[in-house]
Amino acid sequence: MVGFEIHDVLVKKRGKITKKTDLQHTYSEIAGSWLECLEFDRIRYWDIEKIEPVRMQFLGNPIPSDSRYREDLKFLKEKNLAKAQE
């Protein structure tokens, strides 16, 4: 079992991964924030300033349950707000 200890530092979080039975031994130190970066043992693995956003790729032949066929979206496009909210 792995434990995780967190200390607040403004918006950033700091913590360490330990074994629950041996809290004295640290496997990894963690720091970061979902708004900025994620570091393990002072090595930055993710940085919001350096990532490429994920782009949606639509298939050419979607199945009938595809979200593009939602009735509420159809009614919103038709500017029928009452039907869209049902």
N, C-alpha and C. Protein backbone atom coordinates (compact mmCIF):
# COMPACT_ATOMS: atom_id res chain seq x y z
N MET A 1 0.84 -1.17 0.00
CA MET A 1 0.00 0.00 0.00
C MET A 1 0.89 1.24 0.00
N VAL A 2 0.51 2.23 -0.77
CA VAL A 2 1.29 3.46 -0.89
C VAL A 2 0.51 4.59 -0.23
N GLY A 3 1.22 5.41 0.54
CA GLY A 3 0.59 6.56 1.17
C GLY A 3 1.01 7.82 0.45
N PHE A 4 0.29 8.90 0.67
CA PHE A 4 0.64 10.16 0.05
C PHE A 4 0.38 11.26 1.05
N GLU A 5 1.40 12.05 1.31
CA GLU A 5 1.32 13.14 2.27
C GLU A 5 1.40 14.46 1.52
N ILE A 6 0.50 15.39 1.83
CA ILE A 6 0.46 16.66 1.09
C ILE A 6 0.64 17.83 2.05
N HIS A 7 1.42 18.82 1.61
CA HIS A 7 1.58 20.07 2.35
C HIS A 7 1.20 21.21 1.43
N ASP A 8 0.35 22.10 1.90
CA ASP A 8 -0.06 23.25 1.08
C ASP A 8 1.04 24.30 1.04
N VAL A 9 1.33 24.78 -0.16
CA VAL A 9 2.24 25.90 -0.35
C VAL A 9 1.57 26.80 -1.38
N LEU A 10 0.82 27.80 -0.92
CA LEU A 10 0.01 28.65 -1.78
C LEU A 10 -0.87 27.78 -2.68
N VAL A 11 -0.76 27.93 -3.99
CA VAL A 11 -1.57 27.12 -4.91
C VAL A 11 -0.89 25.79 -5.18
N LYS A 12 0.44 25.76 -5.11
CA LYS A 12 1.18 24.53 -5.40
C LYS A 12 1.01 23.52 -4.27
N LYS A 13 1.12 22.27 -4.62
CA LYS A 13 1.08 21.19 -3.64
C LYS A 13 2.45 20.52 -3.61
N ARG A 14 2.83 20.08 -2.45
CA ARG A 14 4.05 19.30 -2.30
C ARG A 14 3.69 18.04 -1.52
N GLY A 15 4.35 16.96 -1.81
CA GLY A 15 4.07 15.74 -1.09
C GLY A 15 5.15 14.72 -1.33
N LYS A 16 4.95 13.55 -0.76
CA LYS A 16 5.88 12.46 -1.00
C LYS A 16 5.13 11.15 -1.00
N ILE A 17 5.64 10.23 -1.79
CA ILE A 17 5.05 8.90 -1.86
C ILE A 17 5.85 8.00 -0.93
N THR A 18 5.12 7.37 0.00
CA THR A 18 5.75 6.48 0.98
C THR A 18 4.95 5.19 1.07
N LYS A 19 5.53 4.20 1.70
CA LYS A 19 4.80 2.97 1.97
C LYS A 19 4.06 3.18 3.30
N LYS A 20 2.79 2.81 3.39
CA LYS A 20 2.03 3.06 4.61
C LYS A 20 2.65 2.40 5.82
N THR A 21 3.31 1.29 5.64
CA THR A 21 3.92 0.61 6.78
C THR A 21 5.29 1.19 7.14
N ASP A 22 5.88 2.00 6.24
CA ASP A 22 7.20 2.59 6.50
C ASP A 22 7.18 4.04 6.05
N LEU A 23 6.61 4.92 6.87
CA LEU A 23 6.47 6.32 6.49
C LEU A 23 7.80 7.07 6.52
N GLN A 24 8.84 6.45 7.02
CA GLN A 24 10.16 7.09 7.06
C GLN A 24 10.85 7.06 5.70
N HIS A 25 10.52 6.05 4.88
CA HIS A 25 11.16 5.90 3.58
C HIS A 25 10.34 6.61 2.51
N THR A 26 10.95 7.55 1.81
CA THR A 26 10.26 8.28 0.74
C THR A 26 10.67 7.70 -0.60
N TYR A 27 9.70 7.29 -1.40
CA TYR A 27 9.97 6.76 -2.73
C TYR A 27 10.14 7.87 -3.75
N SER A 28 9.37 8.94 -3.59
CA SER A 28 9.43 10.04 -4.55
C SER A 28 8.86 11.29 -3.91
N GLU A 29 9.44 12.44 -4.23
CA GLU A 29 8.90 13.71 -3.78
C GLU A 29 8.16 14.34 -4.96
N ILE A 30 6.99 14.89 -4.68
CA ILE A 30 6.11 15.42 -5.72
C ILE A 30 5.84 16.89 -5.43
N ALA A 31 5.80 17.70 -6.49
CA ALA A 31 5.44 19.11 -6.35
C ALA A 31 4.72 19.54 -7.62
N GLY A 32 3.84 20.53 -7.48
CA GLY A 32 3.19 21.07 -8.66
C GLY A 32 1.78 21.51 -8.42
N SER A 33 1.14 21.88 -9.50
CA SER A 33 -0.24 22.35 -9.48
C SER A 33 -0.85 22.04 -10.84
N TRP A 34 -2.13 21.72 -10.84
CA TRP A 34 -2.79 21.45 -12.12
C TRP A 34 -2.86 22.70 -12.98
N LEU A 35 -2.59 23.86 -12.39
CA LEU A 35 -2.57 25.12 -13.13
C LEU A 35 -1.20 25.44 -13.72
N GLU A 36 -0.19 24.66 -13.35
CA GLU A 36 1.17 25.04 -13.75
C GLU A 36 2.02 23.87 -14.23
N CYS A 37 2.41 22.98 -13.31
CA CYS A 37 3.36 21.92 -13.68
C CYS A 37 3.25 20.76 -12.70
N LEU A 38 3.93 19.65 -13.03
CA LEU A 38 4.01 18.49 -12.16
C LEU A 38 5.45 18.00 -12.17
N GLU A 39 6.03 17.88 -10.96
CA GLU A 39 7.41 17.44 -10.83
C GLU A 39 7.49 16.24 -9.89
N PHE A 40 8.32 15.28 -10.26
CA PHE A 40 8.66 14.16 -9.40
C PHE A 40 10.16 14.23 -9.18
N ASP A 41 10.59 14.27 -7.93
CA ASP A 41 12.00 14.34 -7.57
C ASP A 41 12.71 15.47 -8.32
N ARG A 42 12.06 16.62 -8.39
CA ARG A 42 12.56 17.84 -9.02
C ARG A 42 12.78 17.73 -10.53
N ILE A 43 12.21 16.71 -11.14
CA ILE A 43 12.25 16.58 -12.61
C ILE A 43 10.84 16.93 -13.11
N ARG A 44 10.75 17.91 -13.99
CA ARG A 44 9.45 18.37 -14.50
C ARG A 44 8.99 17.42 -15.60
N TYR A 45 7.82 16.79 -15.37
CA TYR A 45 7.26 15.86 -16.34
C TYR A 45 6.14 16.47 -17.15
N TRP A 46 5.51 17.51 -16.62
CA TRP A 46 4.40 18.15 -17.31
C TRP A 46 4.43 19.64 -17.00
N ASP A 47 4.28 20.46 -18.05
CA ASP A 47 4.28 21.91 -17.88
C ASP A 47 3.21 22.48 -18.80
N ILE A 48 2.27 23.22 -18.24
CA ILE A 48 1.15 23.73 -19.02
C ILE A 48 1.61 24.68 -20.12
N GLU A 49 2.76 25.32 -19.93
CA GLU A 49 3.28 26.24 -20.94
C GLU A 49 3.86 25.52 -22.16
N LYS A 50 4.14 24.22 -22.03
CA LYS A 50 4.83 23.50 -23.09
C LYS A 50 4.02 22.38 -23.73
N ILE A 51 2.75 22.23 -23.36
CA ILE A 51 1.97 21.13 -23.93
C ILE A 51 1.16 21.60 -25.13
N GLU A 52 0.89 20.69 -26.02
CA GLU A 52 0.02 20.94 -27.16
C GLU A 52 -1.39 20.52 -26.76
N PRO A 53 -2.38 21.34 -26.98
CA PRO A 53 -3.75 20.93 -26.63
C PRO A 53 -4.22 19.76 -27.50
N VAL A 54 -5.07 18.96 -26.93
CA VAL A 54 -5.62 17.81 -27.65
C VAL A 54 -6.75 18.32 -28.55
N ARG A 55 -6.71 17.94 -29.79
CA ARG A 55 -7.74 18.34 -30.76
C ARG A 55 -8.66 17.16 -31.02
N MET A 56 -9.93 17.46 -31.12
CA MET A 56 -10.92 16.42 -31.39
C MET A 56 -10.81 15.97 -32.84
N GLN A 57 -10.87 14.67 -33.06
CA GLN A 57 -10.86 14.12 -34.41
C GLN A 57 -12.17 13.35 -34.61
N PHE A 58 -13.01 13.86 -35.49
CA PHE A 58 -14.30 13.23 -35.72
C PHE A 58 -14.18 12.15 -36.79
N LEU A 59 -14.89 11.07 -36.59
CA LEU A 59 -14.92 9.99 -37.57
C LEU A 59 -15.89 10.34 -38.69
N GLY A 60 -15.63 9.80 -39.86
CA GLY A 60 -16.48 10.08 -41.01
C GLY A 60 -17.82 9.36 -40.96
N ASN A 61 -17.90 8.24 -40.26
CA ASN A 61 -19.14 7.47 -40.19
C ASN A 61 -19.48 7.16 -38.73
N PRO A 62 -19.96 8.19 -37.99
CA PRO A 62 -20.23 7.99 -36.57
C PRO A 62 -21.43 7.06 -36.32
N ILE A 63 -21.42 6.42 -35.17
CA ILE A 63 -22.53 5.54 -34.79
C ILE A 63 -23.72 6.40 -34.34
N PRO A 64 -24.93 5.84 -34.33
CA PRO A 64 -26.12 6.62 -33.97
C PRO A 64 -26.07 7.25 -32.58
N SER A 65 -25.31 6.67 -31.65
CA SER A 65 -25.24 7.22 -30.29
C SER A 65 -24.17 8.30 -30.15
N ASP A 66 -23.53 8.70 -31.24
CA ASP A 66 -22.52 9.76 -31.20
C ASP A 66 -23.14 11.04 -30.63
N SER A 67 -22.38 11.77 -29.85
CA SER A 67 -22.92 12.97 -29.19
C SER A 67 -23.35 14.06 -30.16
N ARG A 68 -22.89 13.99 -31.40
CA ARG A 68 -23.31 14.98 -32.40
C ARG A 68 -24.80 14.87 -32.73
N TYR A 69 -25.39 13.74 -32.40
CA TYR A 69 -26.80 13.52 -32.71
C TYR A 69 -27.72 13.78 -31.51
N ARG A 70 -27.20 14.39 -30.46
CA ARG A 70 -28.02 14.68 -29.28
C ARG A 70 -29.17 15.61 -29.68
N GLU A 71 -30.37 15.28 -29.20
CA GLU A 71 -31.55 16.07 -29.55
C GLU A 71 -31.46 17.49 -29.03
N ASP A 72 -30.88 17.67 -27.82
CA ASP A 72 -30.81 19.02 -27.27
C ASP A 72 -29.94 19.91 -28.14
N LEU A 73 -28.88 19.36 -28.72
CA LEU A 73 -28.04 20.16 -29.62
C LEU A 73 -28.79 20.53 -30.90
N LYS A 74 -29.58 19.59 -31.37
CA LYS A 74 -30.38 19.86 -32.57
C LYS A 74 -31.34 21.02 -32.32
N PHE A 75 -32.02 20.99 -31.15
CA PHE A 75 -32.96 22.06 -30.81
C PHE A 75 -32.24 23.39 -30.56
N LEU A 76 -31.05 23.34 -29.98
CA LEU A 76 -30.29 24.58 -29.77
C LEU A 76 -29.93 25.23 -31.11
N LYS A 77 -29.53 24.42 -32.08
CA LYS A 77 -29.22 24.96 -33.41
C LYS A 77 -30.44 25.60 -34.05
N GLU A 78 -31.61 25.04 -33.74
CA GLU A 78 -32.87 25.58 -34.27
C GLU A 78 -33.38 26.74 -33.41
N LYS A 79 -32.61 27.11 -32.37
CA LYS A 79 -32.98 28.19 -31.44
C LYS A 79 -34.28 27.91 -30.69
N ASN A 80 -34.55 26.63 -30.44
CA ASN A 80 -35.71 26.22 -29.67
C ASN A 80 -35.24 25.85 -28.26
N LEU A 81 -35.07 26.86 -27.40
CA LEU A 81 -34.49 26.67 -26.08
C LEU A 81 -35.40 25.82 -25.17
N ALA A 82 -36.71 26.01 -25.30
CA ALA A 82 -37.63 25.24 -24.45
C ALA A 82 -37.49 23.75 -24.71
N LYS A 83 -37.45 23.34 -25.96
CA LYS A 83 -37.29 21.91 -26.31
C LYS A 83 -35.90 21.41 -25.91
N ALA A 84 -34.89 22.25 -26.06
CA ALA A 84 -33.52 21.84 -25.73
C ALA A 84 -33.36 21.54 -24.25
N GLN A 85 -34.16 22.20 -23.41
CA GLN A 85 -34.03 22.01 -21.97
C GLN A 85 -34.88 20.87 -21.42
N GLU A 86 -35.71 20.26 -22.25
CA GLU A 86 -36.55 19.15 -21.77
C GLU A 86 -35.73 17.94 -21.40
